[in-house]
Amino acid sequence: MEVSDIPLILEPEQLAPLLEHEEVRVVDLSSPQNYLAGHIPGALGLPFQALLAGTPPAPGKLPSIERLTQIFRAIGLTPDTHIVACDDEGGGWAGRLLWTLEVIGHKKYSYLNGGMHAWKGAGLPLSTDDVSVTPSDIEITIAADAPMIDADQIQQRLDSHDLQIWDARSPGEYSGEKVLAMKGGHIPGAINCDWTQLMDPQRDLRIRTDAREFLAKLGIDGNKEIATHCQSHHRSAFTWLVGKSLGFPIVAYPGSWSEWGNLPDTPVEN
């Protein structure tokens, strides 16, 4: 496979022969202890906290441009780099990295389907070597078509019925039974599909093969623009990725419930 032909959703067996390509960079967002215990040869470890602003009440918002520039220079990102993201939890943090790349207009990226669970399940080699790369001097900006939406934009479109909200939280959070902000419940009209429902535990947490049909039964079919969120845009980074892989017009709300549920004037259903 040529680097220019790498698909968005990449199987472990497809990645293995690509590791020798200089333009391919595997970034592993697993926990530090799991990364150190054994990672894909040549993969860089990246702590997921680097991708979050981390400031309350909405810690899931984007870090500053300066911080993003530091991160992407440190991993050696250039316009020619094809990033392959993986993690040890089924795609949330990997999805967050890929969403961030899309936000800065970098389109050369893939998700290792199933992440480290699938790589290990396929019996592929692991390494404990230290990995270092030459930093780049890339300039980072937010793309004009960045796939994100804010609370004001959602509020303005709630009555227009041209935007569908995909709530990737647990049913308890969605119903308001479990409250993790000043207010519990969900954005009016939101459809709940917990992120883990898109992972197949029988196939090392790969994206379920019937994802399109499964979502269509819930009313999420890509006929309208979709905005996805969770509590801090971690779980919803995976649902954004699944939607993108299905060709849906999908954006993410990085403020997520930690912002919406703490704003005084946002409407809530439960």
Protein backbone atom coordinates (compact mmCIF):
# COMPACT_ATOMS: atom_id res chain seq x y z
CA MET A 1 0.00 0.00 0.00
CA GLU A 2 1.26 3.49 -0.87
CA VAL A 3 1.20 6.11 1.86
CA SER A 4 -1.21 8.18 -0.26
CA ASP A 5 -3.69 5.25 -0.22
CA ILE A 6 -3.84 4.67 3.54
CA PRO A 7 -7.51 4.46 4.59
CA LEU A 8 -9.01 6.36 7.52
CA ILE A 9 -9.76 3.11 9.37
CA LEU A 10 -6.62 0.99 9.25
CA GLU A 11 -6.34 -2.65 10.31
CA PRO A 12 -3.26 -3.84 12.23
CA GLU A 13 -2.22 -6.12 9.36
CA GLN A 14 -2.34 -3.12 7.02
CA LEU A 15 -0.25 -0.96 9.34
CA ALA A 16 2.56 -3.46 9.94
CA PRO A 17 4.18 -3.12 6.46
CA LEU A 18 3.79 0.68 6.55
CA LEU A 19 5.99 1.14 9.62
CA GLU A 20 9.14 1.40 7.49
CA HIS A 21 7.79 4.49 5.69
CA GLU A 22 9.37 7.67 7.00
CA GLU A 23 6.16 9.69 6.43
CA VAL A 24 4.09 7.33 8.60
CA ARG A 25 4.12 8.25 12.29
CA VAL A 26 2.30 6.10 14.83
CA VAL A 27 1.18 8.06 17.91
CA ASP A 28 0.12 5.99 20.91
CA LEU A 29 -2.18 7.63 23.47
CA SER A 30 -2.23 4.64 25.81
CA SER A 31 -1.48 5.09 29.50
CA PRO A 32 2.25 5.68 30.10
CA GLN A 33 2.62 2.32 31.87
CA ASN A 34 0.97 0.43 29.01
CA TYR A 35 3.09 2.28 26.45
CA LEU A 36 6.30 1.49 28.33
CA ALA A 37 5.30 -2.17 28.73
CA GLY A 38 5.19 -2.58 24.96
CA HIS A 39 4.24 -0.41 21.98
CA ILE A 40 4.18 -0.65 18.21
CA PRO A 41 7.79 -0.39 16.98
CA GLY A 42 8.60 3.26 16.33
CA ALA A 43 5.39 4.56 17.93
CA LEU A 44 5.62 7.80 19.89
CA GLY A 45 3.87 7.99 23.24
CA LEU A 46 1.70 11.08 23.74
CA PRO A 47 -0.09 11.79 27.03
CA PHE A 48 -3.73 12.52 26.22
CA GLN A 49 -3.76 15.48 28.63
CA ALA A 50 -1.73 17.39 26.02
CA LEU A 51 -4.83 17.57 23.81
CA LEU A 52 -7.08 19.23 26.41
CA ALA A 53 -7.18 22.79 27.70
CA GLY A 54 -7.78 21.32 31.16
CA THR A 55 -9.38 24.47 32.56
CA PRO A 56 -12.72 24.23 34.43
CA PRO A 57 -15.60 24.29 33.87
CA ALA A 58 -14.93 22.95 30.35
CA PRO A 59 -11.60 21.07 30.47
CA GLY A 60 -12.23 19.39 27.11
CA LYS A 61 -11.86 22.57 25.06
CA LEU A 62 -8.88 22.97 22.74
CA PRO A 63 -5.57 24.07 24.21
CA SER A 64 -4.12 27.38 23.00
CA ILE A 65 -2.54 27.65 19.56
CA GLU A 66 0.83 28.03 21.29
CA ARG A 67 0.32 24.76 23.16
CA LEU A 68 -0.89 22.92 20.03
CA THR A 69 2.14 24.23 18.14
CA GLN A 70 4.47 22.86 20.84
CA ILE A 71 2.77 19.44 20.75
CA PHE A 72 2.75 19.02 16.99
CA ARG A 73 6.30 20.25 16.61
CA ALA A 74 7.41 17.82 19.32
CA ILE A 75 5.91 14.84 17.46
CA GLY A 76 7.63 16.00 14.26
CA LEU A 77 4.46 16.82 12.33
CA THR A 78 5.06 18.15 8.81
CA PRO A 79 2.54 18.66 5.99
CA ASP A 80 3.67 15.27 4.59
CA THR A 81 3.35 13.26 7.82
CA HIS A 82 0.63 10.62 7.91
CA ILE A 83 -0.40 10.15 11.54
CA VAL A 84 -1.76 6.79 12.70
CA ALA A 85 -3.35 7.11 16.14
CA CYS A 86 -3.97 4.30 18.60
CA ASP A 87 -4.78 3.91 22.29
CA ASP A 88 -5.53 1.21 24.84
CA GLU A 89 -9.22 1.99 25.43
CA GLY A 90 -11.11 1.58 22.17
CA GLY A 91 -10.59 4.86 20.38
CA GLY A 92 -11.48 7.87 22.53
CA TRP A 93 -8.04 9.42 22.89
CA ALA A 94 -6.94 8.32 19.42
CA GLY A 95 -10.09 9.96 18.07
CA ARG A 96 -9.32 13.12 20.02
CA LEU A 97 -5.89 13.38 18.34
CA LEU A 98 -7.40 12.82 14.88
CA TRP A 99 -10.16 15.38 15.52
CA THR A 100 -7.50 17.87 16.59
CA LEU A 101 -5.56 17.22 13.38
CA GLU A 102 -8.73 17.90 11.38
CA VAL A 103 -9.27 21.10 13.39
CA ILE A 104 -5.82 22.38 12.34
CA GLY A 105 -6.44 21.35 8.72
CA HIS A 106 -4.10 18.32 8.66
CA LYS A 107 -5.97 15.65 6.69
CA LYS A 108 -3.39 12.85 6.53
CA TYR A 109 -4.39 10.58 9.37
CA SER A 110 -5.78 7.16 10.24
CA TYR A 111 -7.17 5.28 13.21
CA LEU A 112 -5.69 1.89 14.07
CA ASN A 113 -8.97 -0.03 14.32
CA GLY A 114 -9.22 -1.49 17.83
CA GLY A 115 -5.98 0.19 18.86
CA MET A 116 -3.51 -1.75 20.96
CA HIS A 117 -6.11 -4.43 21.78
CA ALA A 118 -6.31 -5.32 18.09
CA TRP A 119 -2.54 -5.02 17.49
CA LYS A 120 -1.81 -7.41 20.36
CA GLY A 121 -4.72 -9.65 19.35
CA ALA A 122 -3.15 -10.01 15.90
CA GLY A 123 0.12 -11.18 17.52
CA LEU A 124 2.12 -8.37 15.96
CA PRO A 125 5.49 -7.29 17.40
CA LEU A 126 5.89 -4.97 20.37
CA SER A 127 8.86 -2.86 21.35
CA THR A 128 10.05 -1.31 24.60
CA ASP A 129 12.67 0.89 22.90
CA ASP A 130 12.78 4.61 23.53
CA VAL A 131 11.47 6.50 20.50
CA SER A 132 12.65 9.97 19.58
CA VAL A 133 11.94 12.09 16.52
CA THR A 134 13.36 15.30 15.12
CA PRO A 135 11.02 18.17 16.05
CA SER A 136 9.43 20.08 13.18
CA ASP A 137 8.89 23.81 12.73
CA ILE A 138 5.26 23.55 11.59
CA GLU A 139 2.99 26.57 12.02
CA ILE A 140 -0.40 25.74 13.51
CA THR A 141 -3.67 27.56 12.79
CA ILE A 142 -7.33 26.64 13.21
CA ALA A 143 -8.82 25.64 9.86
CA ALA A 144 -11.77 27.64 8.50
CA ASP A 145 -13.74 24.39 8.17
CA ALA A 146 -12.71 23.01 11.59
CA PRO A 147 -15.32 20.42 12.67
CA MET A 148 -16.37 22.11 15.89
CA ILE A 149 -19.35 23.99 17.24
CA ASP A 150 -19.87 26.04 20.40
CA ALA A 151 -22.74 26.43 22.87
CA ASP A 152 -24.07 29.63 21.26
CA GLN A 153 -24.16 28.04 17.80
CA ILE A 154 -26.03 25.01 19.15
CA GLN A 155 -28.55 27.23 20.98
CA GLN A 156 -29.21 29.25 17.80
CA ARG A 157 -29.97 26.06 15.85
CA LEU A 158 -32.06 24.14 18.39
CA ASP A 159 -35.32 25.28 16.81
CA SER A 160 -34.23 25.06 13.18
CA HIS A 161 -34.20 21.22 13.11
CA ASP A 162 -31.20 21.16 10.75
CA LEU A 163 -28.77 19.96 13.43
CA GLN A 164 -28.82 16.61 15.21
CA ILE A 165 -27.17 16.24 18.62
CA TRP A 166 -25.45 12.91 19.28
CA ASP A 167 -24.90 12.52 23.02
CA ALA A 168 -22.15 9.92 23.54
CA ARG A 169 -22.52 9.75 27.33
CA SER A 170 -23.99 6.91 29.38
CA PRO A 171 -27.78 6.53 29.56
CA GLY A 172 -27.65 7.62 33.22
CA GLU A 173 -25.91 10.88 32.37
CA TYR A 174 -28.30 11.47 29.47
CA SER A 175 -31.41 10.93 31.60
CA GLY A 176 -30.16 13.15 34.40
CA GLU A 177 -29.99 10.27 36.85
CA LYS A 178 -26.21 10.76 37.06
CA VAL A 179 -25.34 14.46 37.42
CA LEU A 180 -21.79 15.64 36.65
CA ALA A 181 -22.46 19.39 36.35
CA MET A 182 -24.75 21.99 37.96
CA LYS A 183 -27.56 20.65 35.77
CA GLY A 184 -28.31 17.05 34.79
CA GLY A 185 -30.05 15.78 31.67
CA HIS A 186 -29.36 16.43 28.01
CA ILE A 187 -29.54 19.04 25.26
CA PRO A 188 -33.16 19.21 23.99
CA GLY A 189 -33.74 16.72 21.17
CA ALA A 190 -30.38 14.98 21.59
CA ILE A 191 -30.13 11.30 20.66
CA ASN A 192 -28.24 9.12 23.12
CA CYS A 193 -25.80 6.52 21.85
CA ASP A 194 -23.13 5.64 24.40
CA TRP A 195 -19.71 5.56 22.71
CA THR A 196 -18.99 1.99 23.84
CA GLN A 197 -21.96 0.75 21.80
CA LEU A 198 -19.91 1.39 18.66
CA MET A 199 -17.09 -0.92 19.80
CA ASP A 200 -17.17 -4.66 19.17
CA PRO A 201 -15.83 -6.51 22.25
CA GLN A 202 -15.72 -9.74 20.21
CA ARG A 203 -13.28 -8.13 17.74
CA ASP A 204 -10.76 -6.47 20.08
CA LEU A 205 -12.84 -3.26 20.34
CA ARG A 206 -12.80 -2.56 16.61
CA ILE A 207 -15.60 -0.34 15.31
CA ARG A 208 -18.65 -2.55 14.93
CA THR A 209 -19.18 -3.59 11.31
CA ASP A 210 -22.89 -2.72 11.40
CA ALA A 211 -22.32 0.80 12.81
CA ARG A 212 -24.30 2.45 9.99
CA GLU A 213 -27.38 0.26 10.49
CA PHE A 214 -27.12 0.43 14.28
CA LEU A 215 -27.05 4.24 14.25
CA ALA A 216 -29.82 4.49 11.64
CA LYS A 217 -32.15 2.59 13.98
CA LEU A 218 -31.54 5.32 16.56
CA GLY A 219 -32.25 8.02 13.99
CA ILE A 220 -28.63 9.00 13.27
CA ASP A 221 -28.21 8.52 9.53
CA GLY A 222 -26.20 11.48 8.26
CA ASN A 223 -29.13 13.23 6.55
CA LYS A 224 -28.57 16.23 8.81
CA GLU A 225 -25.43 17.77 10.21
CA ILE A 226 -24.52 16.05 13.48
CA ALA A 227 -22.90 17.63 16.52
CA THR A 228 -21.52 15.10 18.98
CA HIS A 229 -20.52 15.65 22.59
CA CYS A 230 -19.99 13.87 25.92
CA GLN A 231 -18.76 15.35 29.21
CA SER A 232 -15.38 16.64 27.98
CA HIS A 233 -15.11 15.63 24.28
CA HIS A 234 -13.16 12.45 24.93
CA ARG A 235 -15.85 9.80 24.37
CA SER A 236 -17.35 11.99 21.63
CA ALA A 237 -14.01 12.17 19.85
CA PHE A 238 -14.57 8.48 19.10
CA THR A 239 -18.16 9.02 17.99
CA TRP A 240 -16.95 11.91 15.79
CA LEU A 241 -14.44 9.49 14.23
CA VAL A 242 -17.09 6.82 13.63
CA GLY A 243 -19.40 9.40 12.04
CA LYS A 244 -16.58 10.65 9.83
CA SER A 245 -15.69 7.09 8.79
CA LEU A 246 -19.33 6.65 7.68
CA GLY A 247 -19.22 9.85 5.61
CA PHE A 248 -21.60 11.75 7.89
CA PRO A 249 -21.47 15.56 8.09
CA ILE A 250 -20.29 15.65 11.72
CA VAL A 251 -18.76 18.21 14.05
CA ALA A 252 -17.97 18.08 17.76
CA TYR A 253 -18.88 20.29 20.68
CA PRO A 254 -15.67 20.36 22.76
CA GLY A 255 -17.28 22.34 25.58
CA SER A 256 -19.58 19.32 25.97
CA TRP A 257 -21.77 18.75 29.02
CA SER A 258 -19.18 20.15 31.43
CA GLU A 259 -19.87 23.51 29.79
CA TRP A 260 -23.55 23.15 28.78
CA GLY A 261 -24.55 21.76 32.17
CA ASN A 262 -22.84 24.64 33.99
CA LEU A 263 -24.08 27.56 31.89
CA PRO A 264 -27.00 29.45 33.50
CA ASP A 265 -29.12 29.89 30.36
CA THR A 266 -28.77 26.60 28.45
CA PRO A 267 -31.97 24.56 28.06
CA VAL A 268 -31.98 21.01 29.41
CA GLU A 269 -34.28 18.00 29.03
CA ASN A 270 -34.39 14.98 31.31
